Amino acid sequence: MLNIVLFGPPGAGKGTQSEKIIAEFNLFHISTGNILREEVKQQTPLGMAAKAVMDAGKLVSDDIILQMVEKVIQEHKHKVKGFVFDGFPRTIAQADGLMALFQKLGLSLSGVISLTVDEPELINRLLKRAQASGRTDDTEEVIKKRQEVYRNETVPLLQYYQERNLLYNVNGMGTIEEIYQNIRNILQKL
């Protein structure tokens, strides 16, 4: 199985590139935000546990998130050639949890593709996306705060994956096709 993490700050193009990867390589897209929303909508036991935590204004625990991820993997592992994780893991604890889950399920992480984009370009992309979608919450101030949170909480994962020889850096500047071609070249070797 080809199991990859697509890594990068908000605006790096993870969603766009995920769609292309999924289509060509027959992978299942795992976005923990989407899984969480679906579990709550379906009122599953995990969804209701998560909703109670969110209603209290707290972050859903890594344990609940990992249980949801395991459920999705179990449901789809016989239908696809692997998984692409988008926006997960975000912390070292989540990365450790994902590695333990893979070990439990007899799977392995094939690689982590990190999209690197200059911060002014990230801000520009997100402002354009906010205009196009009509989202008023994506102001330059909010975008800069999200970039700061990413740098503080998620960037340490780069070293984590580098130490495990799983990290592949891809220049996220250029056309969608140019970036995808670089990702594709990596995936074909994994």
C-alpha atoms as a PDB file:
ATOM      1  CA  MET A   1       0.000   0.000   0.000  1.00  0.00           C
ATOM      2  CA  LEU A   2       1.056   3.560  -0.686  1.00  0.00           C
ATOM      3  CA  ASN A   3       0.412   5.579   2.472  1.00  0.00           C
ATOM      4  CA  ILE A   4       1.548   9.183   2.432  1.00  0.00           C
ATOM      5  CA  VAL A   5       1.215  12.331   4.480  1.00  0.00           C
ATOM      6  CA  LEU A   6       0.862  15.556   2.517  1.00  0.00           C
ATOM      7  CA  PHE A   7       2.404  18.255   4.635  1.00  0.00           C
ATOM      8  CA  GLY A   8       2.499  22.013   4.354  1.00  0.00           C
ATOM      9  CA  PRO A   9       1.171  25.263   5.759  1.00  0.00           C
ATOM     10  CA  PRO A  10      -2.321  26.598   5.029  1.00  0.00           C
ATOM     11  CA  GLY A  11      -2.358  27.709   1.390  1.00  0.00           C
ATOM     12  CA  ALA A  12       0.444  25.398   0.250  1.00  0.00           C
ATOM     13  CA  GLY A  13      -1.903  23.512  -2.077  1.00  0.00           C
ATOM     14  CA  LYS A  14      -2.410  20.283  -0.122  1.00  0.00           C
ATOM     15  CA  GLY A  15      -6.069  19.972  -1.102  1.00  0.00           C
ATOM     16  CA  THR A  16      -5.412  20.626  -4.779  1.00  0.00           C
ATOM     17  CA  GLN A  17      -2.520  18.179  -4.935  1.00  0.00           C
ATOM     18  CA  SER A  18      -4.421  15.564  -2.876  1.00  0.00           C
ATOM     19  CA  GLU A  19      -7.148  15.474  -5.514  1.00  0.00           C
ATOM     20  CA  LYS A  20      -4.606  14.769  -8.258  1.00  0.00           C
ATOM     21  CA  ILE A  21      -2.799  12.099  -6.208  1.00  0.00           C
ATOM     22  CA  ILE A  22      -6.062  10.344  -5.293  1.00  0.00           C
ATOM     23  CA  ALA A  23      -7.239  10.261  -8.904  1.00  0.00           C
ATOM     24  CA  GLU A  24      -4.023   8.846 -10.343  1.00  0.00           C
ATOM     25  CA  PHE A  25      -2.929   6.472  -7.585  1.00  0.00           C
ATOM     26  CA  ASN A  26      -6.352   5.256  -6.306  1.00  0.00           C
ATOM     27  CA  LEU A  27      -5.718   6.408  -2.748  1.00  0.00           C
ATOM     28  CA  PHE A  28      -8.332   7.317  -0.158  1.00  0.00           C
ATOM     29  CA  HIS A  29      -8.211  10.892   1.150  1.00  0.00           C
ATOM     30  CA  ILE A  30      -8.132  11.188   4.925  1.00  0.00           C
ATOM     31  CA  SER A  31      -8.826  14.648   6.275  1.00  0.00           C
ATOM     32  CA  THR A  32      -9.423  14.513  10.014  1.00  0.00           C
ATOM     33  CA  GLY A  33     -11.602  17.627   9.846  1.00  0.00           C
ATOM     34  CA  ASN A  34     -13.898  15.930   7.313  1.00  0.00           C
ATOM     35  CA  ILE A  35     -13.938  12.687   9.322  1.00  0.00           C
ATOM     36  CA  LEU A  36     -14.797  14.570  12.497  1.00  0.00           C
ATOM     37  CA  ARG A  37     -17.663  16.446  10.832  1.00  0.00           C
ATOM     38  CA  GLU A  38     -19.033  13.215   9.323  1.00  0.00           C
ATOM     39  CA  GLU A  39     -18.867  11.291  12.608  1.00  0.00           C
ATOM     40  CA  VAL A  40     -20.740  14.110  14.372  1.00  0.00           C
ATOM     41  CA  LYS A  41     -23.301  14.303  11.545  1.00  0.00           C
ATOM     42  CA  GLN A  42     -23.869  10.528  11.672  1.00  0.00           C
ATOM     43  CA  GLN A  43     -24.131  10.722  15.496  1.00  0.00           C
ATOM     44  CA  THR A  44     -21.774   7.772  15.954  1.00  0.00           C
ATOM     45  CA  PRO A  45     -20.465   7.062  19.465  1.00  0.00           C
ATOM     46  CA  LEU A  46     -17.113   8.598  18.493  1.00  0.00           C
ATOM     47  CA  GLY A  47     -18.880  11.550  16.898  1.00  0.00           C
ATOM     48  CA  MET A  48     -20.967  12.193  19.985  1.00  0.00           C
ATOM     49  CA  ALA A  49     -17.873  11.979  22.221  1.00  0.00           C
ATOM     50  CA  ALA A  50     -16.112  14.484  19.951  1.00  0.00           C
ATOM     51  CA  LYS A  51     -19.151  16.782  19.871  1.00  0.00           C
ATOM     52  CA  ALA A  52     -19.293  16.872  23.677  1.00  0.00           C
ATOM     53  CA  VAL A  53     -15.633  17.934  23.777  1.00  0.00           C
ATOM     54  CA  MET A  54     -16.100  20.562  21.033  1.00  0.00           C
ATOM     55  CA  ASP A  55     -19.283  21.914  22.658  1.00  0.00           C
ATOM     56  CA  ALA A  56     -17.225  22.480  25.805  1.00  0.00           C
ATOM     57  CA  GLY A  57     -14.838  24.603  23.700  1.00  0.00           C
ATOM     58  CA  LYS A  58     -11.984  22.127  23.887  1.00  0.00           C
ATOM     59  CA  LEU A  59      -9.863  20.350  21.291  1.00  0.00           C
ATOM     60  CA  VAL A  60     -10.781  16.791  20.431  1.00  0.00           C
ATOM     61  CA  SER A  61      -8.190  14.443  21.929  1.00  0.00           C
ATOM     62  CA  ASP A  62      -5.609  12.669  19.807  1.00  0.00           C
ATOM     63  CA  ASP A  63      -7.084   9.384  21.050  1.00  0.00           C
ATOM     64  CA  ILE A  64     -10.528  10.153  19.588  1.00  0.00           C
ATOM     65  CA  ILE A  65      -9.005  11.416  16.328  1.00  0.00           C
ATOM     66  CA  LEU A  66      -6.869   8.274  15.999  1.00  0.00           C
ATOM     67  CA  GLN A  67      -9.887   6.041  16.663  1.00  0.00           C
ATOM     68  CA  MET A  68     -11.722   7.833  13.856  1.00  0.00           C
ATOM     69  CA  VAL A  69      -8.722   7.448  11.523  1.00  0.00           C
ATOM     70  CA  GLU A  70      -8.511   3.734  12.359  1.00  0.00           C
ATOM     71  CA  LYS A  71     -12.211   3.290  11.593  1.00  0.00           C
ATOM     72  CA  VAL A  72     -11.797   4.924   8.158  1.00  0.00           C
ATOM     73  CA  ILE A  73      -8.705   2.861   7.339  1.00  0.00           C
ATOM     74  CA  GLN A  74     -10.474  -0.356   8.340  1.00  0.00           C
ATOM     75  CA  GLU A  75     -13.512   0.563   6.203  1.00  0.00           C
ATOM     76  CA  HIS A  76     -11.504   1.362   3.069  1.00  0.00           C
ATOM     77  CA  LYS A  77      -8.219  -0.567   3.155  1.00  0.00           C
ATOM     78  CA  HIS A  78      -9.492  -3.372   0.907  1.00  0.00           C
ATOM     79  CA  LYS A  79     -10.953  -0.970  -1.676  1.00  0.00           C
ATOM     80  CA  VAL A  80      -7.985   1.321  -2.350  1.00  0.00           C
ATOM     81  CA  LYS A  81      -4.239   1.153  -2.928  1.00  0.00           C
ATOM     82  CA  GLY A  82      -3.447   3.308   0.089  1.00  0.00           C
ATOM     83  CA  PHE A  83      -4.197   6.543   1.882  1.00  0.00           C
ATOM     84  CA  VAL A  84      -3.208  10.179   1.618  1.00  0.00           C
ATOM     85  CA  PHE A  85      -3.357  12.074   4.909  1.00  0.00           C
ATOM     86  CA  ASP A  86      -4.062  15.775   4.479  1.00  0.00           C
ATOM     87  CA  GLY A  87      -3.513  18.027   7.488  1.00  0.00           C
ATOM     88  CA  PHE A  88      -2.795  15.125   9.817  1.00  0.00           C
ATOM     89  CA  PRO A  89      -0.749  14.536  11.854  1.00  0.00           C
ATOM     90  CA  ARG A  90      -0.235  18.040  13.185  1.00  0.00           C
ATOM     91  CA  THR A  91       1.821  17.238  16.289  1.00  0.00           C
ATOM     92  CA  ILE A  92       4.539  14.797  17.380  1.00  0.00           C
ATOM     93  CA  ALA A  93       1.984  13.008  19.612  1.00  0.00           C
ATOM     94  CA  GLN A  94      -0.331  12.514  16.619  1.00  0.00           C
ATOM     95  CA  ALA A  95       2.592  11.311  14.483  1.00  0.00           C
ATOM     96  CA  ASP A  96       3.548   8.782  17.154  1.00  0.00           C
ATOM     97  CA  GLY A  97      -0.096   7.693  17.361  1.00  0.00           C
ATOM     98  CA  LEU A  98      -0.317   7.249  13.595  1.00  0.00           C
ATOM     99  CA  MET A  99       2.884   5.184  13.525  1.00  0.00           C
ATOM    100  CA  ALA A 100       1.527   2.968  16.337  1.00  0.00           C
ATOM    101  CA  LEU A 101      -1.784   2.598  14.487  1.00  0.00           C
ATOM    102  CA  PHE A 102       0.028   1.582  11.293  1.00  0.00           C
ATOM    103  CA  GLN A 103       2.037  -0.975  13.235  1.00  0.00           C
ATOM    104  CA  LYS A 104      -1.150  -2.369  14.813  1.00  0.00           C
ATOM    105  CA  LEU A 105      -2.788  -2.683  11.367  1.00  0.00           C
ATOM    106  CA  GLY A 106       0.299  -4.116   9.669  1.00  0.00           C
ATOM    107  CA  LEU A 107       0.741  -1.019   7.486  1.00  0.00           C
ATOM    108  CA  SER A 108       3.605   1.393   7.030  1.00  0.00           C
ATOM    109  CA  LEU A 109       4.029   5.026   6.117  1.00  0.00           C
ATOM    110  CA  SER A 110       5.551   5.256   2.636  1.00  0.00           C
ATOM    111  CA  GLY A 111       6.587   8.898   2.825  1.00  0.00           C
ATOM    112  CA  VAL A 112       5.834  12.457   3.822  1.00  0.00           C
ATOM    113  CA  ILE A 113       5.690  15.066   1.084  1.00  0.00           C
ATOM    114  CA  SER A 114       6.285  18.556   2.387  1.00  0.00           C
ATOM    115  CA  LEU A 115       5.155  21.431   0.157  1.00  0.00           C
ATOM    116  CA  THR A 116       7.269  24.523   0.765  1.00  0.00           C
ATOM    117  CA  VAL A 117       5.920  27.924  -0.223  1.00  0.00           C
ATOM    118  CA  ASP A 118       7.173  31.424   0.632  1.00  0.00           C
ATOM    119  CA  GLU A 119       5.029  33.128   3.276  1.00  0.00           C
ATOM    120  CA  PRO A 120       4.075  36.162   1.103  1.00  0.00           C
ATOM    121  CA  GLU A 121       2.804  33.716  -1.557  1.00  0.00           C
ATOM    122  CA  LEU A 122       0.842  31.747   1.064  1.00  0.00           C
ATOM    123  CA  ILE A 123      -0.842  34.910   2.297  1.00  0.00           C
ATOM    124  CA  ASN A 124      -1.617  35.971  -1.286  1.00  0.00           C
ATOM    125  CA  ARG A 125      -3.139  32.567  -2.122  1.00  0.00           C
ATOM    126  CA  LEU A 126      -5.290  32.504   1.002  1.00  0.00           C
ATOM    127  CA  LEU A 127      -6.539  36.057   0.469  1.00  0.00           C
ATOM    128  CA  LYS A 128      -7.483  35.171  -3.128  1.00  0.00           C
ATOM    129  CA  ARG A 129      -9.207  31.985  -1.944  1.00  0.00           C
ATOM    130  CA  ALA A 130     -11.103  33.978   0.696  1.00  0.00           C
ATOM    131  CA  GLN A 131     -12.274  36.451  -1.961  1.00  0.00           C
ATOM    132  CA  ALA A 132     -13.345  33.679  -4.323  1.00  0.00           C
ATOM    133  CA  SER A 133     -15.238  31.760  -1.633  1.00  0.00           C
ATOM    134  CA  GLY A 134     -16.663  34.813   0.112  1.00  0.00           C
ATOM    135  CA  ARG A 135     -15.088  33.808   3.424  1.00  0.00           C
ATOM    136  CA  THR A 136     -14.848  36.883   5.600  1.00  0.00           C
ATOM    137  CA  ASP A 137     -12.920  35.087   8.375  1.00  0.00           C
ATOM    138  CA  ASP A 138      -9.761  34.764   6.251  1.00  0.00           C
ATOM    139  CA  THR A 139      -8.303  38.205   6.857  1.00  0.00           C
ATOM    140  CA  GLU A 140      -4.582  38.845   6.546  1.00  0.00           C
ATOM    141  CA  GLU A 141      -4.332  38.980  10.361  1.00  0.00           C
ATOM    142  CA  VAL A 142      -6.080  35.592  10.780  1.00  0.00           C
ATOM    143  CA  ILE A 143      -3.977  34.070   7.995  1.00  0.00           C
ATOM    144  CA  LYS A 144      -0.744  35.241   9.644  1.00  0.00           C
ATOM    145  CA  LYS A 145      -1.921  33.779  12.973  1.00  0.00           C
ATOM    146  CA  ARG A 146      -2.622  30.411  11.288  1.00  0.00           C
ATOM    147  CA  GLN A 147       0.871  30.479   9.759  1.00  0.00           C
ATOM    148  CA  GLU A 148       2.353  31.152  13.207  1.00  0.00           C
ATOM    149  CA  VAL A 149       0.418  28.253  14.764  1.00  0.00           C
ATOM    150  CA  TYR A 150       1.622  26.013  11.920  1.00  0.00           C
ATOM    151  CA  ARG A 151       5.264  27.060  12.485  1.00  0.00           C
ATOM    152  CA  ASN A 152       5.064  26.509  16.248  1.00  0.00           C
ATOM    153  CA  GLU A 153       3.054  23.291  16.400  1.00  0.00           C
ATOM    154  CA  THR A 154       3.505  21.463  13.112  1.00  0.00           C
ATOM    155  CA  VAL A 155       6.934  22.359  11.720  1.00  0.00           C
ATOM    156  CA  PRO A 156       8.686  20.179  14.383  1.00  0.00           C
ATOM    157  CA  LEU A 157       7.257  17.198  12.461  1.00  0.00           C
ATOM    158  CA  LEU A 158       9.676  17.925   9.626  1.00  0.00           C
ATOM    159  CA  GLN A 159      12.608  16.841  11.807  1.00  0.00           C
ATOM    160  CA  TYR A 160      10.571  13.889  13.151  1.00  0.00           C
ATOM    161  CA  TYR A 161      10.042  12.526   9.648  1.00  0.00           C
ATOM    162  CA  GLN A 162      13.527  13.507   8.453  1.00  0.00           C
ATOM    163  CA  GLU A 163      15.031  11.390  11.241  1.00  0.00           C
ATOM    164  CA  ARG A 164      12.956   8.429   9.987  1.00  0.00           C
ATOM    165  CA  ASN A 165      14.055   8.962   6.349  1.00  0.00           C
ATOM    166  CA  LEU A 166      10.457   9.555   5.281  1.00  0.00           C
ATOM    167  CA  LEU A 167      10.588  13.247   4.325  1.00  0.00           C
ATOM    168  CA  TYR A 168      10.516  14.492   0.724  1.00  0.00           C
ATOM    169  CA  ASN A 169      10.532  18.247   0.125  1.00  0.00           C
ATOM    170  CA  VAL A 170       8.708  19.643  -2.897  1.00  0.00           C
ATOM    171  CA  ASN A 171       8.833  23.266  -4.017  1.00  0.00           C
ATOM    172  CA  GLY A 172       5.220  24.414  -3.781  1.00  0.00           C
ATOM    173  CA  MET A 173       5.870  27.446  -5.997  1.00  0.00           C
ATOM    174  CA  GLY A 174       4.981  27.175  -9.666  1.00  0.00           C
ATOM    175  CA  THR A 175       1.999  25.881 -11.577  1.00  0.00           C
ATOM    176  CA  ILE A 176      -0.269  23.185 -10.189  1.00  0.00           C
ATOM    177  CA  GLU A 177       0.966  20.813 -12.895  1.00  0.00           C
ATOM    178  CA  GLU A 178       4.664  21.526 -12.245  1.00  0.00           C
ATOM    179  CA  ILE A 179       4.207  20.871  -8.537  1.00  0.00           C
ATOM    180  CA  TYR A 180       2.198  17.716  -9.195  1.00  0.00           C
ATOM    181  CA  GLN A 181       4.846  16.379 -11.575  1.00  0.00           C
ATOM    182  CA  ASN A 182       7.442  16.684  -8.807  1.00  0.00           C
ATOM    183  CA  ILE A 183       5.128  14.898  -6.354  1.00  0.00           C
ATOM    184  CA  ARG A 184       4.323  12.227  -8.938  1.00  0.00           C
ATOM    185  CA  ASN A 185       8.030  11.538  -9.503  1.00  0.00           C
ATOM    186  CA  ILE A 186       8.456  10.888  -5.763  1.00  0.00           C
ATOM    187  CA  LEU A 187       5.350   8.695  -5.493  1.00  0.00           C
ATOM    188  CA  GLN A 188       6.426   6.523  -8.400  1.00  0.00           C
ATOM    189  CA  LYS A 189       9.637   5.690  -6.489  1.00  0.00           C
ATOM    190  CA  LEU A 190       7.910   4.825  -3.208  1.00  0.00           C
END
